[in-house]
Amino acid sequence: MAQLSVIEHPDPRLRRIAEPVTDFDTSLQALVVDMFDTLYAANAIGLAAPQVGVARELAVIDVSGDRSAPQVFINPRITARRGLGLVEESCLSVPDVSG
């Protein structure tokens, strides 16, 4: 378990195209655990692997507010869209900006 460094804009690593995850091994499991440690330490709700310097299609989220609903997305694809919503958005890699 470790807290990872979050890469901030305009670091060029954030523009790299993420590759699909193909190895589902203990190193992937460790990365997921470390990403959750990083997410919770920042009091955030979502974190993608490229934000911590890993160009893989992987993201972790927990929107519960009490760390009770962690979710892991590996090689995610958007397959449907419903309705419109208005929410405030921010990003750990673009600090001090929200909209």
PDB file of N, CA and C in Angstrom:
ATOM      1  N   MET A   1       0.828  -1.174   0.000  1.00  0.00           N
ATOM      2  CA  MET A   1       0.000   0.000   0.000  1.00  0.00           C
ATOM      3  C   MET A   1       0.875   1.241   0.000  1.00  0.00           C
ATOM      4  N   ALA A   2       0.612   2.113  -0.955  1.00  0.00           N
ATOM      5  CA  ALA A   2       1.403   3.328  -1.061  1.00  0.00           C
ATOM      6  C   ALA A   2       0.589   4.420  -1.722  1.00  0.00           C
ATOM      7  N   GLN A   3       0.882   5.629  -1.320  1.00  0.00           N
ATOM      8  CA  GLN A   3       0.274   6.767  -1.977  1.00  0.00           C
ATOM      9  C   GLN A   3       1.158   7.146  -3.158  1.00  0.00           C
ATOM     10  N   LEU A   4       0.555   7.276  -4.337  1.00  0.00           N
ATOM     11  CA  LEU A   4       1.295   7.587  -5.555  1.00  0.00           C
ATOM     12  C   LEU A   4       1.304   9.093  -5.801  1.00  0.00           C
ATOM     13  N   SER A   5       2.272   9.560  -6.564  1.00  0.00           N
ATOM     14  CA  SER A   5       2.326  10.975  -6.946  1.00  0.00           C
ATOM     15  C   SER A   5       1.368  11.211  -8.104  1.00  0.00           C
ATOM     16  N   VAL A   6       0.555  12.247  -7.991  1.00  0.00           N
ATOM     17  CA  VAL A   6      -0.381  12.600  -9.054  1.00  0.00           C
ATOM     18  C   VAL A   6       0.307  13.588  -9.992  1.00  0.00           C
ATOM     19  N   ILE A   7       0.284  13.268 -11.274  1.00  0.00           N
ATOM     20  CA  ILE A   7       0.880  14.111 -12.309  1.00  0.00           C
ATOM     21  C   ILE A   7      -0.076  15.269 -12.584  1.00  0.00           C
ATOM     22  N   GLU A   8       0.481  16.461 -12.714  1.00  0.00           N
ATOM     23  CA  GLU A   8      -0.342  17.642 -12.949  1.00  0.00           C
ATOM     24  C   GLU A   8      -0.106  18.235 -14.337  1.00  0.00           C
ATOM     25  N   HIS A   9      -1.149  18.825 -14.879  1.00  0.00           N
ATOM     26  CA  HIS A   9      -1.103  19.549 -16.146  1.00  0.00           C
ATOM     27  C   HIS A   9      -0.072  20.652 -16.036  1.00  0.00           C
ATOM     28  N   PRO A  10       0.783  20.866 -16.990  1.00  0.00           N
ATOM     29  CA  PRO A  10       0.760  20.392 -18.382  1.00  0.00           C
ATOM     30  C   PRO A  10       1.718  19.236 -18.663  1.00  0.00           C
ATOM     31  N   ASP A  11       1.971  18.377 -17.717  1.00  0.00           N
ATOM     32  CA  ASP A  11       2.894  17.259 -17.906  1.00  0.00           C
ATOM     33  C   ASP A  11       2.494  16.462 -19.155  1.00  0.00           C
ATOM     34  N   PRO A  12       3.409  16.256 -20.101  1.00  0.00           N
ATOM     35  CA  PRO A  12       3.078  15.563 -21.357  1.00  0.00           C
ATOM     36  C   PRO A  12       2.651  14.106 -21.165  1.00  0.00           C
ATOM     37  N   ARG A  13       2.971  13.512 -20.037  1.00  0.00           N
ATOM     38  CA  ARG A  13       2.539  12.121 -19.808  1.00  0.00           C
ATOM     39  C   ARG A  13       1.019  12.011 -19.757  1.00  0.00           C
ATOM     40  N   LEU A  14       0.341  13.102 -19.438  1.00  0.00           N
ATOM     41  CA  LEU A  14      -1.125  13.078 -19.398  1.00  0.00           C
ATOM     42  C   LEU A  14      -1.733  12.978 -20.793  1.00  0.00           C
ATOM     43  N   ARG A  15      -0.961  13.262 -21.821  1.00  0.00           N
ATOM     44  CA  ARG A  15      -1.457  13.200 -23.201  1.00  0.00           C
ATOM     45  C   ARG A  15      -1.159  11.862 -23.887  1.00  0.00           C
ATOM     46  N   ARG A  16      -0.406  11.007 -23.225  1.00  0.00           N
ATOM     47  CA  ARG A  16      -0.117   9.690 -23.819  1.00  0.00           C
ATOM     48  C   ARG A  16      -1.403   8.878 -23.930  1.00  0.00           C
ATOM     49  N   ILE A  17      -1.516   8.125 -24.997  1.00  0.00           N
ATOM     50  CA  ILE A  17      -2.681   7.252 -25.173  1.00  0.00           C
ATOM     51  C   ILE A  17      -2.515   6.034 -24.283  1.00  0.00           C
ATOM     52  N   ALA A  18      -3.511   5.785 -23.462  1.00  0.00           N
ATOM     53  CA  ALA A  18      -3.470   4.643 -22.545  1.00  0.00           C
ATOM     54  C   ALA A  18      -3.657   3.339 -23.326  1.00  0.00           C
ATOM     55  N   GLU A  19      -2.938   2.333 -22.919  1.00  0.00           N
ATOM     56  CA  GLU A  19      -3.012   1.003 -23.536  1.00  0.00           C
ATOM     57  C   GLU A  19      -3.967   0.118 -22.735  1.00  0.00           C
ATOM     58  N   PRO A  20      -4.612  -0.833 -23.390  1.00  0.00           N
ATOM     59  CA  PRO A  20      -5.475  -1.759 -22.653  1.00  0.00           C
ATOM     60  C   PRO A  20      -4.689  -2.575 -21.635  1.00  0.00           C
ATOM     61  N   VAL A  21      -5.339  -2.933 -20.568  1.00  0.00           N
ATOM     62  CA  VAL A  21      -4.752  -3.830 -19.575  1.00  0.00           C
ATOM     63  C   VAL A  21      -4.872  -5.245 -20.132  1.00  0.00           C
ATOM     64  N   THR A  22      -3.765  -5.962 -20.141  1.00  0.00           N
ATOM     65  CA  THR A  22      -3.778  -7.335 -20.653  1.00  0.00           C
ATOM     66  C   THR A  22      -3.320  -8.348 -19.613  1.00  0.00           C
ATOM     67  N   ASP A  23      -2.571  -7.899 -18.620  1.00  0.00           N
ATOM     68  CA  ASP A  23      -2.083  -8.803 -17.582  1.00  0.00           C
ATOM     69  C   ASP A  23      -2.836  -8.543 -16.280  1.00  0.00           C
ATOM     70  N   PHE A  24      -3.595  -9.514 -15.862  1.00  0.00           N
ATOM     71  CA  PHE A  24      -4.372  -9.417 -14.631  1.00  0.00           C
ATOM     72  C   PHE A  24      -3.622 -10.204 -13.551  1.00  0.00           C
ATOM     73  N   ASP A  25      -2.577  -9.561 -13.032  1.00  0.00           N
ATOM     74  CA  ASP A  25      -1.687 -10.239 -12.112  1.00  0.00           C
ATOM     75  C   ASP A  25      -1.577  -9.471 -10.797  1.00  0.00           C
ATOM     76  N   THR A  26      -0.645  -9.883  -9.964  1.00  0.00           N
ATOM     77  CA  THR A  26      -0.499  -9.244  -8.650  1.00  0.00           C
ATOM     78  C   THR A  26      -0.017  -7.805  -8.764  1.00  0.00           C
ATOM     79  N   SER A  27       0.723  -7.473  -9.823  1.00  0.00           N
ATOM     80  CA  SER A  27       1.160  -6.078  -9.975  1.00  0.00           C
ATOM     81  C   SER A  27      -0.029  -5.173 -10.303  1.00  0.00           C
ATOM     82  N   LEU A  28      -1.005  -5.668 -11.049  1.00  0.00           N
ATOM     83  CA  LEU A  28      -2.230  -4.903 -11.308  1.00  0.00           C
ATOM     84  C   LEU A  28      -3.001  -4.714 -10.010  1.00  0.00           C
ATOM     85  N   GLN A  29      -3.117  -5.758  -9.230  1.00  0.00           N
ATOM     86  CA  GLN A  29      -3.805  -5.679  -7.953  1.00  0.00           C
ATOM     87  C   GLN A  29      -3.127  -4.653  -7.038  1.00  0.00           C
ATOM     88  N   ALA A  30      -1.815  -4.663  -6.994  1.00  0.00           N
ATOM     89  CA  ALA A  30      -1.080  -3.703  -6.166  1.00  0.00           C
ATOM     90  C   ALA A  30      -1.300  -2.277  -6.657  1.00  0.00           C
ATOM     91  N   LEU A  31      -1.318  -2.074  -7.973  1.00  0.00           N
ATOM     92  CA  LEU A  31      -1.565  -0.748  -8.534  1.00  0.00           C
ATOM     93  C   LEU A  31      -2.951  -0.252  -8.133  1.00  0.00           C
ATOM     94  N   VAL A  32      -3.944  -1.117  -8.206  1.00  0.00           N
ATOM     95  CA  VAL A  32      -5.309  -0.733  -7.824  1.00  0.00           C
ATOM     96  C   VAL A  32      -5.345  -0.313  -6.352  1.00  0.00           C
ATOM     97  N   VAL A  33      -4.717  -1.081  -5.491  1.00  0.00           N
ATOM     98  CA  VAL A  33      -4.678  -0.743  -4.057  1.00  0.00           C
ATOM     99  C   VAL A  33      -3.999   0.611  -3.854  1.00  0.00           C
ATOM    100  N   ASP A  34      -2.865   0.826  -4.521  1.00  0.00           N
ATOM    101  CA  ASP A  34      -2.145   2.088  -4.400  1.00  0.00           C
ATOM    102  C   ASP A  34      -2.975   3.258  -4.944  1.00  0.00           C
ATOM    103  N   MET A  35      -3.714   3.013  -6.017  1.00  0.00           N
ATOM    104  CA  MET A  35      -4.557   4.073  -6.569  1.00  0.00           C
ATOM    105  C   MET A  35      -5.672   4.442  -5.594  1.00  0.00           C
ATOM    106  N   PHE A  36      -6.259   3.454  -4.935  1.00  0.00           N
ATOM    107  CA  PHE A  36      -7.270   3.772  -3.922  1.00  0.00           C
ATOM    108  C   PHE A  36      -6.654   4.528  -2.747  1.00  0.00           C
ATOM    109  N   ASP A  37      -5.466   4.136  -2.316  1.00  0.00           N
ATOM    110  CA  ASP A  37      -4.778   4.875  -1.251  1.00  0.00           C
ATOM    111  C   ASP A  37      -4.595   6.336  -1.655  1.00  0.00           C
ATOM    112  N   THR A  38      -4.205   6.563  -2.894  1.00  0.00           N
ATOM    113  CA  THR A  38      -3.991   7.910  -3.413  1.00  0.00           C
ATOM    114  C   THR A  38      -5.301   8.675  -3.503  1.00  0.00           C
ATOM    115  N   LEU A  39      -6.330   8.017  -4.008  1.00  0.00           N
ATOM    116  CA  LEU A  39      -7.659   8.621  -4.138  1.00  0.00           C
ATOM    117  C   LEU A  39      -8.184   9.078  -2.783  1.00  0.00           C
ATOM    118  N   TYR A  40      -8.130   8.198  -1.801  1.00  0.00           N
ATOM    119  CA  TYR A  40      -8.658   8.519  -0.477  1.00  0.00           C
ATOM    120  C   TYR A  40      -7.829   9.590   0.229  1.00  0.00           C
ATOM    121  N   ALA A  41      -6.508   9.564   0.053  1.00  0.00           N
ATOM    122  CA  ALA A  41      -5.652  10.579   0.677  1.00  0.00           C
ATOM    123  C   ALA A  41      -5.963  11.970   0.137  1.00  0.00           C
ATOM    124  N   ALA A  42      -6.398  12.034  -1.117  1.00  0.00           N
ATOM    125  CA  ALA A  42      -6.723  13.317  -1.751  1.00  0.00           C
ATOM    126  C   ALA A  42      -8.185  13.715  -1.544  1.00  0.00           C
ATOM    127  N   ASN A  43      -8.957  12.874  -0.855  1.00  0.00           N
ATOM    128  CA  ASN A  43     -10.397  13.124  -0.670  1.00  0.00           C
ATOM    129  C   ASN A  43     -11.087  13.350  -2.008  1.00  0.00           C
ATOM    130  N   ALA A  44     -10.733  12.527  -2.986  1.00  0.00           N
ATOM    131  CA  ALA A  44     -11.300  12.631  -4.326  1.00  0.00           C
ATOM    132  C   ALA A  44     -12.280  11.480  -4.556  1.00  0.00           C
ATOM    133  N   ILE A  45     -12.951  11.496  -5.719  1.00  0.00           N
ATOM    134  CA  ILE A  45     -13.897  10.420  -6.019  1.00  0.00           C
ATOM    135  C   ILE A  45     -13.469   9.568  -7.207  1.00  0.00           C
ATOM    136  N   GLY A  46     -12.472  10.010  -7.969  1.00  0.00           N
ATOM    137  CA  GLY A  46     -12.026   9.231  -9.111  1.00  0.00           C
ATOM    138  C   GLY A  46     -10.573   9.492  -9.450  1.00  0.00           C
ATOM    139  N   LEU A  47      -9.921   8.469  -9.986  1.00  0.00           N
ATOM    140  CA  LEU A  47      -8.520   8.586 -10.372  1.00  0.00           C
ATOM    141  C   LEU A  47      -8.246   7.594 -11.502  1.00  0.00           C
ATOM    142  N   ALA A  48      -7.608   8.074 -12.560  1.00  0.00           N
ATOM    143  CA  ALA A  48      -7.240   7.218 -13.685  1.00  0.00           C
ATOM    144  C   ALA A  48      -5.746   6.926 -13.641  1.00  0.00           C
ATOM    145  N   ALA A  49      -5.373   5.767 -14.129  1.00  0.00           N
ATOM    146  CA  ALA A  49      -3.972   5.349 -14.093  1.00  0.00           C
ATOM    147  C   ALA A  49      -3.026   6.357 -14.754  1.00  0.00           C
ATOM    148  N   PRO A  50      -3.385   6.978 -15.888  1.00  0.00           N
ATOM    149  CA  PRO A  50      -2.466   7.961 -16.462  1.00  0.00           C
ATOM    150  C   PRO A  50      -2.152   9.131 -15.522  1.00  0.00           C
ATOM    151  N   GLN A  51      -3.042   9.415 -14.600  1.00  0.00           N
ATOM    152  CA  GLN A  51      -2.802  10.496 -13.647  1.00  0.00           C
ATOM    153  C   GLN A  51      -1.684  10.170 -12.660  1.00  0.00           C
ATOM    154  N   VAL A  52      -1.341   8.897 -12.552  1.00  0.00           N
ATOM    155  CA  VAL A  52      -0.236   8.494 -11.679  1.00  0.00           C
ATOM    156  C   VAL A  52       0.923   7.918 -12.502  1.00  0.00           C
ATOM    157  N   GLY A  53       0.953   8.264 -13.787  1.00  0.00           N
ATOM    158  CA  GLY A  53       2.072   7.904 -14.644  1.00  0.00           C
ATOM    159  C   GLY A  53       2.024   6.516 -15.241  1.00  0.00           C
ATOM    160  N   VAL A  54       0.865   5.875 -15.218  1.00  0.00           N
ATOM    161  CA  VAL A  54       0.723   4.532 -15.781  1.00  0.00           C
ATOM    162  C   VAL A  54      -0.232   4.620 -16.971  1.00  0.00           C
ATOM    163  N   ALA A  55       0.280   4.470 -18.167  1.00  0.00           N
ATOM    164  CA  ALA A  55      -0.518   4.633 -19.383  1.00  0.00           C
ATOM    165  C   ALA A  55      -1.323   3.367 -19.687  1.00  0.00           C
ATOM    166  N   ARG A  56      -2.248   3.058 -18.808  1.00  0.00           N
ATOM    167  CA  ARG A  56      -3.125   1.889 -18.947  1.00  0.00           C
ATOM    168  C   ARG A  56      -4.578   2.328 -18.797  1.00  0.00           C
ATOM    169  N   GLU A  57      -5.480   1.576 -19.421  1.00  0.00           N
ATOM    170  CA  GLU A  57      -6.911   1.867 -19.348  1.00  0.00           C
ATOM    171  C   GLU A  57      -7.460   1.325 -18.028  1.00  0.00           C
ATOM    172  N   LEU A  58      -7.310   2.107 -16.996  1.00  0.00           N
ATOM    173  CA  LEU A  58      -7.678   1.698 -15.648  1.00  0.00           C
ATOM    174  C   LEU A  58      -8.092   2.934 -14.862  1.00  0.00           C
ATOM    175  N   ALA A  59      -9.195   2.843 -14.142  1.00  0.00           N
ATOM    176  CA  ALA A  59      -9.637   3.935 -13.281  1.00  0.00           C
ATOM    177  C   ALA A  59     -10.268   3.348 -12.030  1.00  0.00           C
ATOM    178  N   VAL A  60     -10.169   4.095 -10.942  1.00  0.00           N
ATOM    179  CA  VAL A  60     -10.836   3.710  -9.700  1.00  0.00           C
ATOM    180  C   VAL A  60     -11.729   4.863  -9.267  1.00  0.00           C
ATOM    181  N   ILE A  61     -12.887   4.534  -8.707  1.00  0.00           N
ATOM    182  CA  ILE A  61     -13.785   5.556  -8.189  1.00  0.00           C
ATOM    183  C   ILE A  61     -14.434   5.067  -6.902  1.00  0.00           C
ATOM    184  N   ASP A  62     -14.853   6.032  -6.104  1.00  0.00           N
ATOM    185  CA  ASP A  62     -15.683   5.753  -4.930  1.00  0.00           C
ATOM    186  C   ASP A  62     -16.464   7.028  -4.649  1.00  0.00           C
ATOM    187  N   VAL A  63     -17.734   7.028  -5.016  1.00  0.00           N
ATOM    188  CA  VAL A  63     -18.579   8.212  -4.852  1.00  0.00           C
ATOM    189  C   VAL A  63     -19.395   8.165  -3.568  1.00  0.00           C
ATOM    190  N   SER A  64     -19.110   7.208  -2.689  1.00  0.00           N
ATOM    191  CA  SER A  64     -19.920   7.005  -1.494  1.00  0.00           C
ATOM    192  C   SER A  64     -19.748   8.103  -0.444  1.00  0.00           C
ATOM    193  N   GLY A  65     -18.589   8.710  -0.388  1.00  0.00           N
ATOM    194  CA  GLY A  65     -18.313   9.690   0.647  1.00  0.00           C
ATOM    195  C   GLY A  65     -17.786   9.078   1.933  1.00  0.00           C
ATOM    196  N   ASP A  66     -17.935   7.759   2.088  1.00  0.00           N
ATOM    197  CA  ASP A  66     -17.438   7.102   3.299  1.00  0.00           C
ATOM    198  C   ASP A  66     -16.558   5.885   2.984  1.00  0.00           C
ATOM    199  N   ARG A  67     -16.074   5.833   1.758  1.00  0.00           N
ATOM    200  CA  ARG A  67     -15.166   4.773   1.308  1.00  0.00           C
ATOM    201  C   ARG A  67     -15.803   3.382   1.301  1.00  0.00           C
ATOM    202  N   SER A  68     -17.107   3.340   1.165  1.00  0.00           N
ATOM    203  CA  SER A  68     -17.807   2.057   1.244  1.00  0.00           C
ATOM    204  C   SER A  68     -18.173   1.463  -0.115  1.00  0.00           C
ATOM    205  N   ALA A  69     -17.879   2.165  -1.210  1.00  0.00           N
ATOM    206  CA  ALA A  69     -18.301   1.668  -2.518  1.00  0.00           C
ATOM    207  C   ALA A  69     -17.197   1.795  -3.563  1.00  0.00           C
ATOM    208  N   PRO A  70     -16.020   1.228  -3.301  1.00  0.00           N
ATOM    209  CA  PRO A  70     -14.950   1.320  -4.295  1.00  0.00           C
ATOM    210  C   PRO A  70     -15.295   0.528  -5.555  1.00  0.00           C
ATOM    211  N   GLN A  71     -14.976   1.129  -6.708  1.00  0.00           N
ATOM    212  CA  GLN A  71     -15.215   0.466  -7.984  1.00  0.00           C
ATOM    213  C   GLN A  71     -13.953   0.589  -8.834  1.00  0.00           C
ATOM    214  N   VAL A  72     -13.664  -0.474  -9.576  1.00  0.00           N
ATOM    215  CA  VAL A  72     -12.498  -0.507 -10.460  1.00  0.00           C
ATOM    216  C   VAL A  72     -12.998  -0.706 -11.882  1.00  0.00           C
ATOM    217  N   PHE A  73     -12.478   0.104 -12.805  1.00  0.00           N
ATOM    218  CA  PHE A  73     -12.840   0.005 -14.215  1.00  0.00           C
ATOM    219  C   PHE A  73     -11.582  -0.311 -15.002  1.00  0.00           C
ATOM    220  N   ILE A  74     -11.583  -1.472 -15.648  1.00  0.00           N
ATOM    221  CA  ILE A  74     -10.448  -1.922 -16.446  1.00  0.00           C
ATOM    222  C   ILE A  74     -10.900  -2.026 -17.894  1.00  0.00           C
ATOM    223  N   ASN A  75     -10.166  -1.358 -18.779  1.00  0.00           N
ATOM    224  CA  ASN A  75     -10.516  -1.306 -20.201  1.00  0.00           C
ATOM    225  C   ASN A  75     -11.975  -0.868 -20.393  1.00  0.00           C
ATOM    226  N   PRO A  76     -12.382   0.226 -19.751  1.00  0.00           N
ATOM    227  CA  PRO A  76     -13.797   0.630 -19.815  1.00  0.00           C
ATOM    228  C   PRO A  76     -14.189   1.154 -21.190  1.00  0.00           C
ATOM    229  N   ARG A  77     -15.446   0.992 -21.511  1.00  0.00           N
ATOM    230  CA  ARG A  77     -16.026   1.523 -22.743  1.00  0.00           C
ATOM    231  C   ARG A  77     -17.388   2.124 -22.405  1.00  0.00           C
ATOM    232  N   ILE A  78     -17.680   3.279 -22.967  1.00  0.00           N
ATOM    233  CA  ILE A  78     -19.003   3.877 -22.816  1.00  0.00           C
ATOM    234  C   ILE A  78     -19.886   3.239 -23.870  1.00  0.00           C
ATOM    235  N   THR A  79     -20.953   2.584 -23.434  1.00  0.00           N
ATOM    236  CA  THR A  79     -21.820   1.867 -24.372  1.00  0.00           C
ATOM    237  C   THR A  79     -23.207   2.479 -24.486  1.00  0.00           C
ATOM    238  N   ALA A  80     -23.538   3.395 -23.587  1.00  0.00           N
ATOM    239  CA  ALA A  80     -24.852   4.032 -23.634  1.00  0.00           C
ATOM    240  C   ALA A  80     -24.771   5.368 -22.910  1.00  0.00           C
ATOM    241  N   ARG A  81     -25.741   6.221 -23.209  1.00  0.00           N
ATOM    242  CA  ARG A  81     -25.813   7.525 -22.562  1.00  0.00           C
ATOM    243  C   ARG A  81     -27.278   7.825 -22.293  1.00  0.00           C
ATOM    244  N   ARG A  82     -27.554   8.307 -21.087  1.00  0.00           N
ATOM    245  CA  ARG A  82     -28.926   8.639 -20.723  1.00  0.00           C
ATOM    246  C   ARG A  82     -28.985  10.044 -20.146  1.00  0.00           C
ATOM    247  N   GLY A  83     -29.896  10.844 -20.648  1.00  0.00           N
ATOM    248  CA  GLY A  83     -30.196  12.143 -20.073  1.00  0.00           C
ATOM    249  C   GLY A  83     -29.023  13.086 -19.946  1.00  0.00           C
ATOM    250  N   LEU A  84     -29.329  14.220 -19.408  1.00  0.00           N
ATOM    251  CA  LEU A  84     -28.335  15.248 -19.165  1.00  0.00           C
ATOM    252  C   LEU A  84     -28.329  15.571 -17.686  1.00  0.00           C
ATOM    253  N   GLY A  85     -27.202  16.010 -17.193  1.00  0.00           N
ATOM    254  CA  GLY A  85     -27.106  16.388 -15.791  1.00  0.00           C
ATOM    255  C   GLY A  85     -26.141  17.547 -15.640  1.00  0.00           C
ATOM    256  N   LEU A  86     -26.260  18.208 -14.536  1.00  0.00           N
ATOM    257  CA  LEU A  86     -25.374  19.320 -14.232  1.00  0.00           C
ATOM    258  C   LEU A  86     -24.670  19.000 -12.929  1.00  0.00           C
ATOM    259  N   VAL A  87     -23.351  18.890 -12.993  1.00  0.00           N
ATOM    260  CA  VAL A  87     -22.548  18.577 -11.817  1.00  0.00           C
ATOM    261  C   VAL A  87     -21.301  19.447 -11.836  1.00  0.00           C
ATOM    262  N   GLU A  88     -20.704  19.619 -10.683  1.00  0.00           N
ATOM    263  CA  GLU A  88     -19.419  20.303 -10.627  1.00  0.00           C
ATOM    264  C   GLU A  88     -18.338  19.271 -10.872  1.00  0.00           C
ATOM    265  N   GLU A  89     -17.378  19.628 -11.701  1.00  0.00           N
ATOM    266  CA  GLU A  89     -16.313  18.704 -12.086  1.00  0.00           C
ATOM    267  C   GLU A  89     -14.976  19.309 -11.710  1.00  0.00           C
ATOM    268  N   SER A  90     -14.077  18.462 -11.257  1.00  0.00           N
ATOM    269  CA  SER A  90     -12.698  18.873 -10.993  1.00  0.00           C
ATOM    270  C   SER A  90     -11.798  17.679 -11.264  1.00  0.00           C
ATOM    271  N   CYS A  91     -10.479  17.921 -11.224  1.00  0.00           N
ATOM    272  CA  CYS A  91      -9.526  16.868 -11.552  1.00  0.00           C
ATOM    273  C   CYS A  91      -8.273  17.050 -10.721  1.00  0.00           C
ATOM    274  N   LEU A  92      -7.792  15.968 -10.135  1.00  0.00           N
ATOM    275  CA  LEU A  92      -6.563  16.044  -9.338  1.00  0.00           C
ATOM    276  C   LEU A  92      -5.379  16.495 -10.170  1.00  0.00           C
ATOM    277  N   SER A  93      -5.393  16.228 -11.472  1.00  0.00           N
ATOM    278  CA  SER A  93      -4.282  16.607 -12.338  1.00  0.00           C
ATOM    279  C   SER A  93      -4.366  18.058 -12.826  1.00  0.00           C
ATOM    280  N   VAL A  94      -5.474  18.718 -12.522  1.00  0.00           N
ATOM    281  CA  VAL A  94      -5.636  20.132 -12.854  1.00  0.00           C
ATOM    282  C   VAL A  94      -6.103  20.830 -11.577  1.00  0.00           C
ATOM    283  N   PRO A  95      -5.189  20.996 -10.632  1.00  0.00           N
ATOM    284  CA  PRO A  95      -5.578  21.536  -9.328  1.00  0.00           C
ATOM    285  C   PRO A  95      -6.076  22.976  -9.415  1.00  0.00           C
ATOM    286  N   ASP A  96      -6.935  23.308  -8.463  1.00  0.00           N
ATOM    287  CA  ASP A  96      -7.478  24.665  -8.339  1.00  0.00           C
ATOM    288  C   ASP A  96      -8.359  25.091  -9.490  1.00  0.00           C
ATOM    289  N   VAL A  97      -8.862  24.150 -10.293  1.00  0.00           N
ATOM    290  CA  VAL A  97      -9.776  24.458 -11.382  1.00  0.00           C
ATOM    291  C   VAL A  97     -10.980  23.538 -11.238  1.00  0.00           C
ATOM    292  N   SER A  98     -12.163  24.110 -11.310  1.00  0.00           N
ATOM    293  CA  SER A  98     -13.385  23.307 -11.314  1.00  0.00           C
ATOM    294  C   SER A  98     -14.421  24.047 -12.127  1.00  0.00           C
ATOM    295  N   GLY A  99     -15.423  23.320 -12.556  1.00  0.00           N
ATOM    296  CA  GLY A  99     -16.453  23.965 -13.371  1.00  0.00           C
ATOM    297  C   GLY A  99     -17.679  23.116 -13.468  1.00  0.00           C
TER     298      GLY A  99
END
